[in-house]
Amino acid sequence: MTHATVAAAQPVPVSIPIRQILPWAVFVGILSFILLYFVSTEEGVTALFSGGYVHEFVHDGRHLLAFPCH
């Protein structure tokens, strides 16, 4: 009985152009900073919105991320 051998395929490196990733990275970074502001700072004197709606909406996330709010 004869056995056929198959040569192992060499992995081909994939190049990822930075020019395509950079706008998305900047966009995600800006959204992250906005989210961090609302979770960490949006309450009391520094509030952009009146009332406690934003504070109550992100209240549990505040505690989960160890931000004090009381």
PDB file of N, CA and C in Angstrom:
ATOM      1  N   MET A   1       0.842  -1.152   0.000  1.00  0.00           N
ATOM      2  CA  MET A   1       0.000   0.000   0.000  1.00  0.00           C
ATOM      3  C   MET A   1       0.905   1.240   0.000  1.00  0.00           C
ATOM      4  N   THR A   2       0.545   2.205  -0.792  1.00  0.00           N
ATOM      5  CA  THR A   2       1.338   3.430  -0.867  1.00  0.00           C
ATOM      6  C   THR A   2       0.640   4.533  -0.082  1.00  0.00           C
ATOM      7  N   HIS A   3       1.449   5.397   0.491  1.00  0.00           N
ATOM      8  CA  HIS A   3       0.921   6.512   1.273  1.00  0.00           C
ATOM      9  C   HIS A   3       1.263   7.813   0.567  1.00  0.00           C
ATOM     10  N   ALA A   4       0.275   8.639   0.392  1.00  0.00           N
ATOM     11  CA  ALA A   4       0.499   9.947  -0.216  1.00  0.00           C
ATOM     12  C   ALA A   4       0.845  10.934   0.897  1.00  0.00           C
ATOM     13  N   THR A   5       1.832  11.737   0.664  1.00  0.00           N
ATOM     14  CA  THR A   5       2.194  12.762   1.650  1.00  0.00           C
ATOM     15  C   THR A   5       1.832  14.129   1.091  1.00  0.00           C
ATOM     16  N   VAL A   6       1.359  14.956   1.981  1.00  0.00           N
ATOM     17  CA  VAL A   6       0.966  16.307   1.605  1.00  0.00           C
ATOM     18  C   VAL A   6       1.911  17.273   2.310  1.00  0.00           C
ATOM     19  N   ALA A   7       2.481  18.155   1.535  1.00  0.00           N
ATOM     20  CA  ALA A   7       3.377  19.141   2.121  1.00  0.00           C
ATOM     21  C   ALA A   7       2.563  20.128   2.951  1.00  0.00           C
ATOM     22  N   ALA A   8       3.079  20.471   4.133  1.00  0.00           N
ATOM     23  CA  ALA A   8       2.390  21.420   5.013  1.00  0.00           C
ATOM     24  C   ALA A   8       2.444  22.814   4.396  1.00  0.00           C
ATOM     25  N   ALA A   9       1.320  23.444   4.390  1.00  0.00           N
ATOM     26  CA  ALA A   9       1.239  24.794   3.828  1.00  0.00           C
ATOM     27  C   ALA A   9       1.869  25.786   4.793  1.00  0.00           C
ATOM     28  N   GLN A  10       2.642  26.670   4.273  1.00  0.00           N
ATOM     29  CA  GLN A  10       3.273  27.694   5.093  1.00  0.00           C
ATOM     30  C   GLN A  10       2.260  28.806   5.360  1.00  0.00           C
ATOM     31  N   PRO A  11       2.186  29.267   6.610  1.00  0.00           N
ATOM     32  CA  PRO A  11       1.254  30.363   6.899  1.00  0.00           C
ATOM     33  C   PRO A  11       1.693  31.642   6.197  1.00  0.00           C
ATOM     34  N   VAL A  12       0.721  32.338   5.685  1.00  0.00           N
ATOM     35  CA  VAL A  12       0.982  33.587   4.975  1.00  0.00           C
ATOM     36  C   VAL A  12       0.665  34.742   5.925  1.00  0.00           C
ATOM     37  N   PRO A  13       1.635  35.610   6.214  1.00  0.00           N
ATOM     38  CA  PRO A  13       1.338  36.733   7.108  1.00  0.00           C
ATOM     39  C   PRO A  13       0.353  37.708   6.469  1.00  0.00           C
ATOM     40  N   VAL A  14      -0.534  38.201   7.292  1.00  0.00           N
ATOM     41  CA  VAL A  14      -1.542  39.146   6.825  1.00  0.00           C
ATOM     42  C   VAL A  14      -1.108  40.536   7.250  1.00  0.00           C
ATOM     43  N   SER A  15      -1.017  41.437   6.315  1.00  0.00           N
ATOM     44  CA  SER A  15      -0.652  42.807   6.658  1.00  0.00           C
ATOM     45  C   SER A  15      -1.922  43.624   6.870  1.00  0.00           C
ATOM     46  N   ILE A  16      -1.937  44.358   7.974  1.00  0.00           N
ATOM     47  CA  ILE A  16      -3.080  45.204   8.293  1.00  0.00           C
ATOM     48  C   ILE A  16      -2.623  46.650   8.154  1.00  0.00           C
ATOM     49  N   PRO A  17      -3.149  47.372   7.185  1.00  0.00           N
ATOM     50  CA  PRO A  17      -2.721  48.756   6.987  1.00  0.00           C
ATOM     51  C   PRO A  17      -3.186  49.655   8.129  1.00  0.00           C
ATOM     52  N   ILE A  18      -2.247  50.407   8.687  1.00  0.00           N
ATOM     53  CA  ILE A  18      -2.538  51.307   9.797  1.00  0.00           C
ATOM     54  C   ILE A  18      -3.528  52.393   9.379  1.00  0.00           C
ATOM     55  N   ARG A  19      -3.478  52.811   8.131  1.00  0.00           N
ATOM     56  CA  ARG A  19      -4.385  53.869   7.667  1.00  0.00           C
ATOM     57  C   ARG A  19      -5.849  53.452   7.734  1.00  0.00           C
ATOM     58  N   GLN A  20      -6.124  52.151   7.699  1.00  0.00           N
ATOM     59  CA  GLN A  20      -7.505  51.693   7.813  1.00  0.00           C
ATOM     60  C   GLN A  20      -7.918  51.527   9.264  1.00  0.00           C
ATOM     61  N   ILE A  21      -6.968  51.237  10.145  1.00  0.00           N
ATOM     62  CA  ILE A  21      -7.286  51.001  11.548  1.00  0.00           C
ATOM     63  C   ILE A  21      -7.328  52.296  12.350  1.00  0.00           C
ATOM     64  N   LEU A  22      -6.494  53.251  12.026  1.00  0.00           N
ATOM     65  CA  LEU A  22      -6.356  54.469  12.819  1.00  0.00           C
ATOM     66  C   LEU A  22      -7.668  55.239  13.015  1.00  0.00           C
ATOM     67  N   PRO A  23      -8.477  55.475  11.986  1.00  0.00           N
ATOM     68  CA  PRO A  23      -9.744  56.200  12.243  1.00  0.00           C
ATOM     69  C   PRO A  23     -10.661  55.455  13.211  1.00  0.00           C
ATOM     70  N   TRP A  24     -10.718  54.137  13.114  1.00  0.00           N
ATOM     71  CA  TRP A  24     -11.559  53.360  14.024  1.00  0.00           C
ATOM     72  C   TRP A  24     -11.000  53.383  15.442  1.00  0.00           C
ATOM     73  N   ALA A  25      -9.681  53.347  15.564  1.00  0.00           N
ATOM     74  CA  ALA A  25      -9.064  53.401  16.883  1.00  0.00           C
ATOM     75  C   ALA A  25      -9.336  54.748  17.553  1.00  0.00           C
ATOM     76  N   VAL A  26      -9.263  55.821  16.794  1.00  0.00           N
ATOM     77  CA  VAL A  26      -9.560  57.153  17.338  1.00  0.00           C
ATOM     78  C   VAL A  26     -11.030  57.242  17.727  1.00  0.00           C
ATOM     79  N   PHE A  27     -11.907  56.736  16.900  1.00  0.00           N
ATOM     80  CA  PHE A  27     -13.343  56.748  17.189  1.00  0.00           C
ATOM     81  C   PHE A  27     -13.660  55.969  18.468  1.00  0.00           C
ATOM     82  N   VAL A  28     -13.094  54.777  18.607  1.00  0.00           N
ATOM     83  CA  VAL A  28     -13.327  53.962  19.808  1.00  0.00           C
ATOM     84  C   VAL A  28     -12.724  54.642  21.033  1.00  0.00           C
ATOM     85  N   GLY A  29     -11.573  55.285  20.871  1.00  0.00           N
ATOM     86  CA  GLY A  29     -10.964  56.004  21.986  1.00  0.00           C
ATOM     87  C   GLY A  29     -11.824  57.152  22.466  1.00  0.00           C
ATOM     88  N   ILE A  30     -12.371  57.926  21.546  1.00  0.00           N
ATOM     89  CA  ILE A  30     -13.246  59.046  21.916  1.00  0.00           C
ATOM     90  C   ILE A  30     -14.511  58.535  22.602  1.00  0.00           C
ATOM     91  N   LEU A  31     -15.119  57.483  22.064  1.00  0.00           N
ATOM     92  CA  LEU A  31     -16.304  56.914  22.711  1.00  0.00           C
ATOM     93  C   LEU A  31     -15.984  56.387  24.102  1.00  0.00           C
ATOM     94  N   SER A  32     -14.808  55.805  24.271  1.00  0.00           N
ATOM     95  CA  SER A  32     -14.404  55.297  25.591  1.00  0.00           C
ATOM     96  C   SER A  32     -14.264  56.429  26.596  1.00  0.00           C
ATOM     97  N   PHE A  33     -13.665  57.547  26.175  1.00  0.00           N
ATOM     98  CA  PHE A  33     -13.529  58.679  27.085  1.00  0.00           C
ATOM     99  C   PHE A  33     -14.883  59.281  27.444  1.00  0.00           C
ATOM    100  N   ILE A  34     -15.792  59.335  26.493  1.00  0.00           N
ATOM    101  CA  ILE A  34     -17.135  59.846  26.788  1.00  0.00           C
ATOM    102  C   ILE A  34     -17.851  58.935  27.777  1.00  0.00           C
ATOM    103  N   LEU A  35     -17.765  57.633  27.558  1.00  0.00           N
ATOM    104  CA  LEU A  35     -18.378  56.686  28.479  1.00  0.00           C
ATOM    105  C   LEU A  35     -17.747  56.782  29.860  1.00  0.00           C
ATOM    106  N   LEU A  36     -16.431  56.911  29.915  1.00  0.00           N
ATOM    107  CA  LEU A  36     -15.747  57.046  31.194  1.00  0.00           C
ATOM    108  C   LEU A  36     -16.190  58.316  31.924  1.00  0.00           C
ATOM    109  N   TYR A  37     -16.395  59.401  31.184  1.00  0.00           N
ATOM    110  CA  TYR A  37     -16.890  60.631  31.817  1.00  0.00           C
ATOM    111  C   TYR A  37     -18.258  60.389  32.450  1.00  0.00           C
ATOM    112  N   PHE A  38     -19.168  59.801  31.701  1.00  0.00           N
ATOM    113  CA  PHE A  38     -20.516  59.622  32.227  1.00  0.00           C
ATOM    114  C   PHE A  38     -20.559  58.659  33.403  1.00  0.00           C
ATOM    115  N   VAL A  39     -19.713  57.647  33.386  1.00  0.00           N
ATOM    116  CA  VAL A  39     -19.716  56.698  34.494  1.00  0.00           C
ATOM    117  C   VAL A  39     -19.015  57.282  35.713  1.00  0.00           C
ATOM    118  N   SER A  40     -17.970  58.059  35.501  1.00  0.00           N
ATOM    119  CA  SER A  40     -17.165  58.485  36.639  1.00  0.00           C
ATOM    120  C   SER A  40     -17.503  59.873  37.170  1.00  0.00           C
ATOM    121  N   THR A  41     -17.878  60.819  36.347  1.00  0.00           N
ATOM    122  CA  THR A  41     -17.930  62.205  36.769  1.00  0.00           C
ATOM    123  C   THR A  41     -19.316  62.831  36.708  1.00  0.00           C
ATOM    124  N   GLU A  42     -20.198  62.343  35.911  1.00  0.00           N
ATOM    125  CA  GLU A  42     -21.497  62.989  35.667  1.00  0.00           C
ATOM    126  C   GLU A  42     -22.390  62.888  36.899  1.00  0.00           C
ATOM    127  N   GLU A  43     -22.238  63.844  37.798  1.00  0.00           N
ATOM    128  CA  GLU A  43     -23.137  63.983  38.926  1.00  0.00           C
ATOM    129  C   GLU A  43     -22.845  65.292  39.630  1.00  0.00           C
ATOM    130  N   GLY A  44     -23.797  65.816  40.292  1.00  0.00           N
ATOM    131  CA  GLY A  44     -23.586  66.986  41.126  1.00  0.00           C
ATOM    132  C   GLY A  44     -23.178  68.230  40.365  1.00  0.00           C
ATOM    133  N   VAL A  45     -22.111  68.883  40.816  1.00  0.00           N
ATOM    134  CA  VAL A  45     -21.685  70.169  40.286  1.00  0.00           C
ATOM    135  C   VAL A  45     -21.197  70.045  38.851  1.00  0.00           C
ATOM    136  N   THR A  46     -20.557  68.937  38.493  1.00  0.00           N
ATOM    137  CA  THR A  46     -19.985  68.797  37.152  1.00  0.00           C
ATOM    138  C   THR A  46     -20.963  68.209  36.149  1.00  0.00           C
ATOM    139  N   ALA A  47     -22.227  68.159  36.470  1.00  0.00           N
ATOM    140  CA  ALA A  47     -23.206  67.523  35.595  1.00  0.00           C
ATOM    141  C   ALA A  47     -23.486  68.367  34.353  1.00  0.00           C
ATOM    142  N   LEU A  48     -23.516  67.722  33.206  1.00  0.00           N
ATOM    143  CA  LEU A  48     -23.912  68.399  31.973  1.00  0.00           C
ATOM    144  C   LEU A  48     -25.420  68.422  31.820  1.00  0.00           C
ATOM    145  N   PHE A  49     -26.094  67.454  32.422  1.00  0.00           N
ATOM    146  CA  PHE A  49     -27.538  67.352  32.322  1.00  0.00           C
ATOM    147  C   PHE A  49     -28.138  67.556  33.700  1.00  0.00           C
ATOM    148  N   SER A  50     -29.243  68.285  33.769  1.00  0.00           N
ATOM    149  CA  SER A  50     -29.881  68.514  35.061  1.00  0.00           C
ATOM    150  C   SER A  50     -30.617  67.259  35.514  1.00  0.00           C
ATOM    151  N   GLY A  51     -30.782  67.152  36.796  1.00  0.00           N
ATOM    152  CA  GLY A  51     -31.442  65.978  37.351  1.00  0.00           C
ATOM    153  C   GLY A  51     -30.448  64.846  37.549  1.00  0.00           C
ATOM    154  N   GLY A  52     -30.914  63.768  38.106  1.00  0.00           N
ATOM    155  CA  GLY A  52     -30.027  62.650  38.392  1.00  0.00           C
ATOM    156  C   GLY A  52     -30.228  61.474  37.468  1.00  0.00           C
ATOM    157  N   TYR A  53     -30.740  61.738  36.271  1.00  0.00           N
ATOM    158  CA  TYR A  53     -31.072  60.637  35.369  1.00  0.00           C
ATOM    159  C   TYR A  53     -29.829  59.870  34.911  1.00  0.00           C
ATOM    160  N   VAL A  54     -28.785  60.585  34.528  1.00  0.00           N
ATOM    161  CA  VAL A  54     -27.566  59.922  34.072  1.00  0.00           C
ATOM    162  C   VAL A  54     -26.927  59.168  35.228  1.00  0.00           C
ATOM    163  N   HIS A  55     -26.905  59.788  36.406  1.00  0.00           N
ATOM    164  CA  HIS A  55     -26.330  59.139  37.581  1.00  0.00           C
ATOM    165  C   HIS A  55     -27.054  57.836  37.892  1.00  0.00           C
ATOM    166  N   GLU A  56     -28.348  57.867  37.886  1.00  0.00           N
ATOM    167  CA  GLU A  56     -29.117  56.661  38.192  1.00  0.00           C
ATOM    168  C   GLU A  56     -28.962  55.597  37.110  1.00  0.00           C
ATOM    169  N   PHE A  57     -28.802  56.026  35.861  1.00  0.00           N
ATOM    170  CA  PHE A  57     -28.661  55.074  34.768  1.00  0.00           C
ATOM    171  C   PHE A  57     -27.345  54.314  34.862  1.00  0.00           C
ATOM    172  N   VAL A  58     -26.273  54.996  35.269  1.00  0.00           N
ATOM    173  CA  VAL A  58     -24.960  54.347  35.330  1.00  0.00           C
ATOM    174  C   VAL A  58     -24.545  54.002  36.756  1.00  0.00           C
ATOM    175  N   HIS A  59     -25.470  54.040  37.696  1.00  0.00           N
ATOM    176  CA  HIS A  59     -25.170  53.840  39.110  1.00  0.00           C
ATOM    177  C   HIS A  59     -24.496  52.498  39.382  1.00  0.00           C
ATOM    178  N   ASP A  60     -25.035  51.417  38.882  1.00  0.00           N
ATOM    179  CA  ASP A  60     -24.448  50.100  39.147  1.00  0.00           C
ATOM    180  C   ASP A  60     -23.096  49.942  38.462  1.00  0.00           C
ATOM    181  N   GLY A  61     -22.957  50.508  37.265  1.00  0.00           N
ATOM    182  CA  GLY A  61     -21.670  50.468  36.591  1.00  0.00           C
ATOM    183  C   GLY A  61     -20.616  51.242  37.361  1.00  0.00           C
ATOM    184  N   ARG A  62     -21.051  52.306  38.018  1.00  0.00           N
ATOM    185  CA  ARG A  62     -20.157  53.103  38.854  1.00  0.00           C
ATOM    186  C   ARG A  62     -19.577  52.244  39.975  1.00  0.00           C
ATOM    187  N   HIS A  63     -20.422  51.503  40.647  1.00  0.00           N
ATOM    188  CA  HIS A  63     -19.963  50.631  41.731  1.00  0.00           C
ATOM    189  C   HIS A  63     -19.131  49.471  41.182  1.00  0.00           C
ATOM    190  N   LEU A  64     -19.515  48.932  40.048  1.00  0.00           N
ATOM    191  CA  LEU A  64     -18.785  47.826  39.458  1.00  0.00           C
ATOM    192  C   LEU A  64     -17.362  48.242  39.116  1.00  0.00           C
ATOM    193  N   LEU A  65     -17.171  49.470  38.661  1.00  0.00           N
ATOM    194  CA  LEU A  65     -15.837  49.969  38.294  1.00  0.00           C
ATOM    195  C   LEU A  65     -15.145  50.668  39.464  1.00  0.00           C
ATOM    196  N   ALA A  66     -15.692  50.577  40.675  1.00  0.00           N
ATOM    197  CA  ALA A  66     -15.104  51.100  41.911  1.00  0.00           C
ATOM    198  C   ALA A  66     -15.043  52.622  41.944  1.00  0.00           C
ATOM    199  N   PHE A  67     -15.992  53.313  41.314  1.00  0.00           N
ATOM    200  CA  PHE A  67     -16.102  54.749  41.442  1.00  0.00           C
ATOM    201  C   PHE A  67     -17.047  55.052  42.593  1.00  0.00           C
ATOM    202  N   PRO A  68     -16.629  55.882  43.541  1.00  0.00           N
ATOM    203  CA  PRO A  68     -17.536  56.223  44.635  1.00  0.00           C
ATOM    204  C   PRO A  68     -18.604  57.210  44.136  1.00  0.00           C
ATOM    205  N   CYS A  69     -19.799  57.100  44.673  1.00  0.00           N
ATOM    206  CA  CYS A  69     -20.838  58.041  44.248  1.00  0.00           C
ATOM    207  C   CYS A  69     -21.746  58.452  45.410  1.00  0.00           C
ATOM    208  N   HIS A  70     -21.471  58.014  46.597  1.00  0.00           N
ATOM    209  CA  HIS A  70     -22.311  58.401  47.735  1.00  0.00           C
ATOM    210  C   HIS A  70     -21.461  59.134  48.735  1.00  0.00           C
TER     211      HIS A  70
END
